[in-house]
């Protein structure tokens, strides 16, 4: 793979909630990894590199959807629609994390079947994914009868996610807690459904359940789609250390409560953003951008911090080597600009105004996957290769 240099960056959003904007105007990429941040001097250090002129627009880490429900390939049986994952990539998403595949027709609930499905889907998306995006699929749904040896077998096959606790036959916190402890012992990251039931056969989950089970992520803490009470949300924030997930397909009112509670505790590093789609609400290709715009324009969160919630925060909780723009990280990037006709002149201003920015380039592992989004409005400026 040829070296790639991105120059003339207007604003570099890092994805790091502690230092969200960087004072650099260029990025050097080698073998799909960020090698250096700097300025035009990088052109001299990498004379054979391909060069993209960013035309003064905003560059940020590729967005991470912390809550996806993939199925078989790029097709959702729940909504009978193809290419929904590819559409998310056109919305600036470069990594998608499964919270389980409950919509798979005839989904097995026996031990052999649930292991087979998780291994199959995990391997399938690693072998081929839409536009080369990172689709972390095969999140095992907890079923009665699973034992430690089963988690060891799945981990050896590349499975490392537990889907939303509460979607399978393991429903009570008493039953789930020991299995979650085993899963985490073997390096699994665990999502847990929070709120009312979302599927026939699933169970409502309360703050007591979350605190007892201690998952990695309190999934759709603002409801998926039905929310727990604000008092329950506050307890989850105060009495656990899990990630607090806000989703597009949730309750917008309790999302604002989460942000207020987080702000008073200076705990912005706890929040991650997901879609929770496909679901009964459908597919939302621009769902992560919509989350960022919503919490920036209505929720009082600075847009660069909101971007970090959709990138670096999620990467940290899931142990991913992406989501932050720094040397050694995978070169997953999104180029953003103010959309034509917006009151804003930059992508961050557009987000703060409640507009969706234009996605003009998406880069995955140093490779250009999208040059102009088919889903966002066009931007005022268009980056281009200059050699």
Protein backbone atom coordinates (compact mmCIF):
# COMPACT_ATOMS: atom_id res chain seq x y z
CA UNK A 1 0.00 0.00 0.00
CA UNK A 2 1.37 3.40 -0.99
CA UNK A 3 1.96 6.05 1.69
CA UNK A 4 -0.81 8.64 1.97
CA UNK A 5 -0.51 12.25 3.11
CA UNK A 6 -3.52 14.43 3.93
CA UNK A 7 -2.71 18.14 3.90
CA UNK A 8 -4.53 21.44 4.35
CA UNK A 9 -6.78 20.18 7.17
CA UNK A 10 -8.86 23.02 8.57
CA UNK A 11 -9.76 21.45 11.93
CA UNK A 12 -8.35 18.17 13.22
CA UNK A 13 -10.73 16.51 15.69
CA UNK A 14 -8.79 13.92 17.65
CA UNK A 15 -11.51 11.65 19.08
CA UNK A 16 -9.85 12.01 22.49
CA UNK A 17 -12.34 13.53 24.93
CA UNK A 18 -9.46 14.98 26.99
CA UNK A 19 -7.85 16.79 24.03
CA UNK A 20 -10.55 16.93 21.37
CA UNK A 21 -8.89 19.33 18.89
CA UNK A 22 -5.31 19.06 17.69
CA UNK A 23 -3.06 21.78 16.33
CA UNK A 24 -2.00 19.90 13.18
CA UNK A 25 -2.86 20.34 9.53
CA UNK A 26 -1.52 17.12 8.01
CA UNK A 27 -1.54 13.36 8.58
CA UNK A 28 0.91 10.78 7.25
CA UNK A 29 -0.37 7.24 6.79
CA UNK A 30 1.76 4.16 6.10
CA UNK A 31 0.48 0.60 5.69
CA UNK A 32 -2.98 1.61 6.83
CA UNK A 33 -1.76 3.12 10.10
CA UNK A 34 -1.31 6.75 11.17
CA UNK A 35 2.43 7.31 11.32
CA UNK A 36 2.75 11.05 11.95
CA UNK A 37 0.74 14.20 12.56
CA UNK A 38 2.18 17.55 11.57
CA UNK A 39 2.11 20.11 8.80
CA UNK A 40 3.34 20.51 5.23
CA UNK A 41 6.80 19.29 6.24
CA UNK A 42 5.38 15.77 5.99
CA UNK A 43 5.41 16.16 2.21
CA UNK A 44 9.22 16.21 2.30
CA UNK A 45 9.40 13.20 4.61
CA UNK A 46 7.17 11.10 2.34
CA UNK A 47 8.10 12.21 -1.20
CA UNK A 48 6.51 9.17 -2.91
CA UNK A 49 3.21 9.42 -1.07
CA UNK A 50 -0.19 9.99 -2.62
CA UNK A 51 -1.52 13.35 -1.42
CA UNK A 52 -5.06 14.45 -0.59
CA UNK A 53 -5.76 18.16 -0.26
CA UNK A 54 -8.48 18.46 2.43
CA UNK A 55 -9.30 21.99 1.22
CA UNK A 56 -9.49 23.37 4.76
CA UNK A 57 -12.32 21.17 5.98
CA UNK A 58 -12.61 19.09 9.16
CA UNK A 59 -11.01 15.67 9.54
CA UNK A 60 -12.05 13.35 12.38
CA UNK A 61 -11.71 9.68 13.27
CA UNK A 62 -14.09 7.38 11.45
CA UNK A 63 -17.26 7.14 13.50
CA UNK A 64 -18.04 4.00 15.52
CA UNK A 65 -21.56 2.63 15.79
CA UNK A 66 -21.49 0.98 19.21
CA UNK A 67 -24.83 -0.75 18.75
CA UNK A 68 -25.67 -2.52 15.51
CA UNK A 69 -27.73 -5.63 14.79
CA UNK A 70 -26.21 -7.13 11.64
CA UNK A 71 -27.54 -10.32 10.17
CA UNK A 72 -26.22 -12.32 7.20
CA UNK A 73 -24.13 -10.16 4.90
CA UNK A 74 -25.41 -6.65 4.26
CA UNK A 75 -29.07 -7.56 4.63
CA UNK A 76 -31.56 -7.10 7.45
CA UNK A 77 -34.37 -9.61 7.72
CA UNK A 78 -36.10 -7.39 10.30
CA UNK A 79 -36.72 -4.67 7.70
CA UNK A 80 -36.14 -6.79 4.57
CA UNK A 81 -33.58 -4.33 3.25
CA UNK A 82 -30.18 -4.72 1.62
CA UNK A 83 -27.05 -2.53 1.89
CA UNK A 84 -27.98 -0.93 5.20
CA UNK A 85 -24.42 -1.31 6.52
CA UNK A 86 -22.93 0.28 3.41
CA UNK A 87 -25.30 3.20 3.92
CA UNK A 88 -23.90 3.72 7.43
CA UNK A 89 -20.41 3.96 5.97
CA UNK A 90 -21.70 6.71 3.70
CA UNK A 91 -22.69 8.38 6.99
CA UNK A 92 -19.06 8.44 8.15
CA UNK A 93 -19.10 5.17 10.14
CA UNK A 94 -16.02 2.98 9.72
CA UNK A 95 -16.55 0.53 12.60
CA UNK A 96 -19.78 -1.22 13.61
CA UNK A 97 -20.13 -3.30 16.77
CA UNK A 98 -22.81 -5.96 17.06
CA UNK A 99 -25.00 -6.04 20.13
CA UNK A 100 -26.28 -9.43 18.99
CA UNK A 101 -27.99 -10.89 15.95
CA UNK A 102 -31.49 -11.59 17.32
CA UNK A 103 -33.19 -10.96 13.97
CA UNK A 104 -31.57 -13.95 12.26
CA UNK A 105 -34.42 -16.19 11.03
CA UNK A 106 -34.66 -19.33 13.12
CA UNK A 107 -31.94 -18.13 15.46
CA UNK A 108 -30.82 -21.16 17.49
CA UNK A 109 -31.05 -21.01 21.27
CA UNK A 110 -29.31 -24.28 22.12
CA UNK A 111 -25.63 -24.25 23.11
CA UNK A 112 -24.29 -25.81 19.92
CA UNK A 113 -26.42 -23.58 17.72
CA UNK A 114 -25.69 -20.29 19.47
CA UNK A 115 -21.94 -21.00 19.35
CA UNK A 116 -22.12 -21.96 15.69
CA UNK A 117 -24.01 -18.80 14.75
CA UNK A 118 -21.63 -16.53 16.63
CA UNK A 119 -18.53 -18.13 15.12
CA UNK A 120 -20.04 -18.17 11.63
CA UNK A 121 -21.06 -14.49 11.65
CA UNK A 122 -17.83 -13.35 13.28
CA UNK A 123 -15.76 -15.08 10.61
CA UNK A 124 -18.05 -14.06 7.74
CA UNK A 125 -17.76 -10.34 8.42
CA UNK A 126 -14.01 -10.60 8.97
CA UNK A 127 -13.70 -12.27 5.58
CA UNK A 128 -15.85 -9.73 3.75
CA UNK A 129 -17.53 -6.53 4.87
CA UNK A 130 -19.22 -3.61 3.09
CA UNK A 131 -16.61 -1.20 1.67
CA UNK A 132 -14.00 -2.81 3.94
CA UNK A 133 -15.52 -1.42 7.15
CA UNK A 134 -14.77 -3.09 10.47
CA UNK A 135 -17.94 -5.03 11.29
CA UNK A 136 -17.45 -6.79 14.62
CA UNK A 137 -20.23 -9.36 14.40
CA UNK A 138 -21.12 -12.64 16.05
CA UNK A 139 -21.99 -11.26 19.47
CA UNK A 140 -23.13 -14.35 21.36
CA UNK A 141 -26.53 -14.09 23.01
CA UNK A 142 -26.54 -15.76 26.42
CA UNK A 143 -28.57 -18.96 26.50
CA UNK A 144 -29.18 -21.51 29.22
CA UNK A 145 -26.52 -24.24 29.28
CA UNK A 146 -23.50 -22.18 28.21
CA UNK A 147 -20.37 -23.04 30.21
CA UNK A 148 -16.84 -21.70 30.51
CA UNK A 149 -15.52 -24.17 27.93
CA UNK A 150 -17.95 -22.71 25.40
CA UNK A 151 -16.60 -19.18 25.87
CA UNK A 152 -13.06 -20.52 25.51
CA UNK A 153 -14.00 -22.25 22.26
CA UNK A 154 -15.68 -19.14 20.86
CA UNK A 155 -12.80 -16.88 21.85
CA UNK A 156 -10.32 -19.19 20.11
CA UNK A 157 -12.46 -18.86 16.97
CA UNK A 158 -12.39 -15.05 17.14
CA UNK A 159 -15.64 -14.27 18.95
CA UNK A 160 -15.16 -11.58 21.61
CA UNK A 161 -18.56 -9.95 22.09
CA UNK A 162 -21.57 -10.87 24.20
CA UNK A 163 -24.82 -9.54 22.76
CA UNK A 164 -27.39 -7.72 24.84
CA UNK A 165 -27.97 -9.64 28.04
CA UNK A 166 -31.72 -10.18 28.29
CA UNK A 167 -32.36 -11.09 24.64
CA UNK A 168 -31.87 -14.83 25.18
CA UNK A 169 -33.11 -17.46 27.59
CA UNK A 170 -30.74 -16.16 30.28
CA UNK A 171 -32.98 -13.41 31.60
CA UNK A 172 -32.46 -12.86 35.32
CA UNK A 173 -29.50 -11.00 36.76
CA UNK A 174 -28.80 -13.98 39.02
CA UNK A 175 -28.41 -16.25 35.99
CA UNK A 176 -26.55 -13.72 33.88
CA UNK A 177 -23.98 -12.46 36.39
CA UNK A 178 -21.86 -15.65 36.62
CA UNK A 179 -21.84 -16.08 32.83
CA UNK A 180 -20.83 -12.45 32.32
CA UNK A 181 -18.03 -12.89 34.85
CA UNK A 182 -16.77 -15.91 32.89
CA UNK A 183 -17.04 -14.08 29.58
CA UNK A 184 -15.13 -11.06 30.86
CA UNK A 185 -12.46 -13.34 32.33
CA UNK A 186 -11.80 -14.54 28.78
CA UNK A 187 -11.69 -11.07 27.26
CA UNK A 188 -15.27 -10.69 26.06
CA UNK A 189 -16.91 -7.27 26.01
CA UNK A 190 -20.48 -7.47 27.26
CA UNK A 191 -23.53 -5.44 26.27
CA UNK A 192 -26.63 -5.42 28.45
CA UNK A 193 -30.11 -4.39 27.39
CA UNK A 194 -31.48 -1.56 29.55
CA UNK A 195 -35.16 -0.64 29.64
CA UNK A 196 -38.38 -2.21 28.46
CA UNK A 197 -38.65 -5.21 26.16
CA UNK A 198 -37.80 -4.65 22.51
CA UNK A 199 -38.53 -8.13 21.13
CA UNK A 200 -41.07 -10.84 21.93
CA UNK A 201 -39.42 -13.08 24.51
CA UNK A 202 -36.95 -10.51 25.78
CA UNK A 203 -37.11 -9.04 29.28
CA UNK A 204 -37.14 -5.57 30.83
CA UNK A 205 -33.89 -4.69 32.58
CA UNK A 206 -33.59 -2.37 35.58
CA UNK A 207 -30.77 -0.50 37.29
CA UNK A 208 -30.55 -3.28 39.89
CA UNK A 209 -29.96 -5.81 37.10
CA UNK A 210 -27.23 -3.72 35.46
CA UNK A 211 -25.43 -3.09 38.74
CA UNK A 212 -25.51 -6.78 39.65
CA UNK A 213 -24.38 -8.07 36.24
CA UNK A 214 -21.71 -5.38 35.67
CA UNK A 215 -21.55 -5.38 31.85
CA UNK A 216 -19.09 -3.45 29.72
CA UNK A 217 -21.90 -1.34 28.26
CA UNK A 218 -25.30 -0.32 29.60
CA UNK A 219 -26.87 -0.56 26.16
CA UNK A 220 -29.33 2.10 25.03
CA UNK A 221 -29.43 3.65 28.49
CA UNK A 222 -31.93 6.11 26.98
CA UNK A 223 -34.20 3.27 25.91
CA UNK A 224 -34.27 0.81 23.09
CA UNK A 225 -36.85 2.14 22.47
CA UNK A 226 -38.47 2.18 25.95
CA UNK A 227 -36.45 3.92 28.65
CA UNK A 228 -36.09 3.24 32.33
CA UNK A 229 -36.88 6.17 34.63
CA UNK A 230 -34.49 9.05 35.11
CA UNK A 231 -33.91 7.83 38.68
CA UNK A 232 -32.83 4.43 37.35
CA UNK A 233 -30.49 6.05 34.84
CA UNK A 234 -28.87 8.10 37.58
CA UNK A 235 -28.30 4.95 39.62
CA UNK A 236 -26.61 3.22 36.68
CA UNK A 237 -24.30 6.20 36.24
CA UNK A 238 -23.45 6.41 39.95
CA UNK A 239 -23.38 2.74 40.95
CA UNK A 240 -21.59 1.18 37.98
CA UNK A 241 -18.52 1.92 35.88
CA UNK A 242 -19.92 0.67 32.57
CA UNK A 243 -20.19 2.75 29.41
CA UNK A 244 -23.41 4.74 29.20
CA UNK A 245 -24.77 4.29 25.70
CA UNK A 246 -27.09 6.78 24.00
CA UNK A 247 -28.80 5.48 20.85
CA UNK A 248 -30.69 7.04 17.99
CA UNK A 249 -33.59 4.59 18.31
CA UNK A 250 -34.24 5.56 21.91
CA UNK A 251 -35.92 8.12 24.13
CA UNK A 252 -34.70 11.65 23.36
CA UNK A 253 -35.91 13.09 26.66
CA UNK A 254 -33.93 10.67 28.82
CA UNK A 255 -30.93 11.15 26.53
CA UNK A 256 -30.88 14.76 27.71
CA UNK A 257 -31.12 13.59 31.33
CA UNK A 258 -28.07 11.37 30.79
CA UNK A 259 -26.09 14.29 29.37
CA UNK A 260 -27.03 16.54 32.28
CA UNK A 261 -26.03 13.93 34.84
CA UNK A 262 -22.78 13.25 32.99
CA UNK A 263 -21.99 16.96 32.77
CA UNK A 264 -22.45 17.54 36.51
CA UNK A 265 -20.00 14.69 37.18
CA UNK A 266 -17.48 15.72 34.48
CA UNK A 267 -17.80 12.17 33.18
CA UNK A 268 -17.99 12.81 29.44
CA UNK A 269 -15.61 9.89 28.90
CA UNK A 270 -18.40 7.48 29.99
CA UNK A 271 -20.75 8.20 27.08
CA UNK A 272 -20.74 6.25 23.81
CA UNK A 273 -23.11 6.55 20.85
CA UNK A 274 -24.95 3.87 18.91
CA UNK A 275 -27.78 3.44 16.45
CA UNK A 276 -29.60 0.35 17.81
CA UNK A 277 -30.59 -0.54 14.26
CA UNK A 278 -31.97 -2.30 12.38
CA UNK A 279 -34.87 -2.38 14.78
CA UNK A 280 -38.55 -1.68 14.72
CA UNK A 281 -37.52 1.92 14.07
CA UNK A 282 -35.86 0.84 10.85
CA UNK A 283 -32.36 1.61 9.56
CA UNK A 284 -30.82 5.02 10.14
CA UNK A 285 -27.75 5.44 7.90
CA UNK A 286 -26.94 8.83 9.40
CA UNK A 287 -27.85 7.79 12.94
CA UNK A 288 -24.44 8.40 14.49
CA UNK A 289 -24.15 11.81 12.85
CA UNK A 290 -27.68 12.56 14.04
CA UNK A 291 -26.70 11.60 17.59
CA UNK A 292 -23.70 13.93 17.44
CA UNK A 293 -25.80 16.77 16.05
CA UNK A 294 -28.56 16.23 18.61
CA UNK A 295 -26.35 16.24 21.68
CA UNK A 296 -24.35 19.18 20.31
CA UNK A 297 -27.29 21.39 19.34
CA UNK A 298 -29.81 20.43 22.05
CA UNK A 299 -27.79 18.63 24.71
CA UNK A 300 -25.18 21.32 25.33
CA UNK A 301 -22.19 19.13 24.45
CA UNK A 302 -19.39 20.73 22.46
CA UNK A 303 -19.36 19.13 19.00
CA UNK A 304 -15.74 17.99 19.25
CA UNK A 305 -16.61 16.25 22.55
CA UNK A 306 -19.67 14.67 20.91
CA UNK A 307 -17.40 13.32 18.17
CA UNK A 308 -15.16 11.81 20.85
CA UNK A 309 -18.19 10.09 22.34
CA UNK A 310 -18.76 8.46 18.94
CA UNK A 311 -15.11 7.51 18.41
CA UNK A 312 -12.42 7.45 21.08
CA UNK A 313 -14.72 6.68 24.01
CA UNK A 314 -16.18 3.66 22.22
CA UNK A 315 -12.75 2.46 21.11
CA UNK A 316 -11.51 2.58 24.71
CA UNK A 317 -14.40 0.56 26.13
CA UNK A 318 -14.15 -2.08 23.40
CA UNK A 319 -10.35 -2.17 23.22
CA UNK A 320 -10.13 -1.09 19.57
CA UNK A 321 -7.04 0.42 17.95
CA UNK A 322 -9.01 3.07 16.12
CA UNK A 323 -11.19 6.04 17.08
CA UNK A 324 -8.37 8.45 17.98
CA UNK A 325 -6.07 10.30 15.60
CA UNK A 326 -2.59 9.55 16.89
CA UNK A 327 0.44 7.61 15.64
CA UNK A 328 0.02 3.85 15.79
CA UNK A 329 -3.77 3.89 15.38
CA UNK A 330 -5.55 2.42 12.39
CA UNK A 331 -6.09 5.11 9.76
CA UNK A 332 -9.90 5.31 9.79
CA UNK A 333 -10.95 8.87 8.98
CA UNK A 334 -13.96 10.90 7.95
CA UNK A 335 -13.80 14.27 6.17
CA UNK A 336 -16.63 16.62 7.16
CA UNK A 337 -17.76 20.02 5.94
CA UNK A 338 -20.65 22.41 6.45
CA UNK A 339 -23.46 21.44 4.07
CA UNK A 340 -24.36 23.84 1.28
CA UNK A 341 -26.98 26.29 2.55
CA UNK A 342 -26.18 25.87 6.23
CA UNK A 343 -25.88 28.85 8.55
CA UNK A 344 -22.52 27.34 9.50
CA UNK A 345 -19.18 27.60 7.72
CA UNK A 346 -17.53 24.51 9.26
CA UNK A 347 -18.61 20.99 10.16
CA UNK A 348 -18.40 21.63 13.91
CA UNK A 349 -20.46 24.81 13.59
CA UNK A 350 -23.03 22.85 11.56
CA UNK A 351 -23.32 20.20 14.26
CA UNK A 352 -23.76 22.85 16.94
CA UNK A 353 -26.47 24.48 14.82
CA UNK A 354 -28.31 21.17 14.52
CA UNK A 355 -27.41 20.49 10.89
CA UNK A 356 -25.87 17.30 9.56
CA UNK A 357 -22.43 17.93 8.06
CA UNK A 358 -21.46 16.75 4.62
CA UNK A 359 -19.40 13.56 4.49
CA UNK A 360 -16.94 14.15 1.67
CA UNK A 361 -14.38 11.36 2.18
CA UNK A 362 -14.31 8.18 4.24
CA UNK A 363 -10.96 6.43 4.68
CA UNK A 364 -10.65 2.92 6.14
CA UNK A 365 -7.19 1.54 6.95
CA UNK A 366 -5.63 4.24 4.80
CA UNK A 367 -7.79 3.39 1.79
CA UNK A 368 -10.42 5.74 0.39
CA UNK A 369 -13.78 3.96 0.67
CA UNK A 370 -16.15 6.86 -0.07
CA UNK A 371 -15.44 10.10 -1.94
CA UNK A 372 -18.85 11.73 -1.70
CA UNK A 373 -21.61 10.46 0.55
CA UNK A 374 -24.79 9.37 -1.17
CA UNK A 375 -26.72 10.15 2.02
CA UNK A 376 -25.52 13.49 3.41
CA UNK A 377 -26.02 16.88 1.77
CA UNK A 378 -23.05 18.02 -0.35
CA UNK A 379 -20.38 20.16 1.27
CA UNK A 380 -19.12 23.60 0.41
CA UNK A 381 -15.69 22.16 -0.45
CA UNK A 382 -14.51 18.90 -1.98
CA UNK A 383 -11.16 17.32 -1.08
CA UNK A 384 -9.14 15.93 -3.95
CA UNK A 385 -6.05 13.94 -4.80
CA UNK A 386 -3.38 16.28 -6.09
CA UNK A 387 -0.95 13.63 -7.35
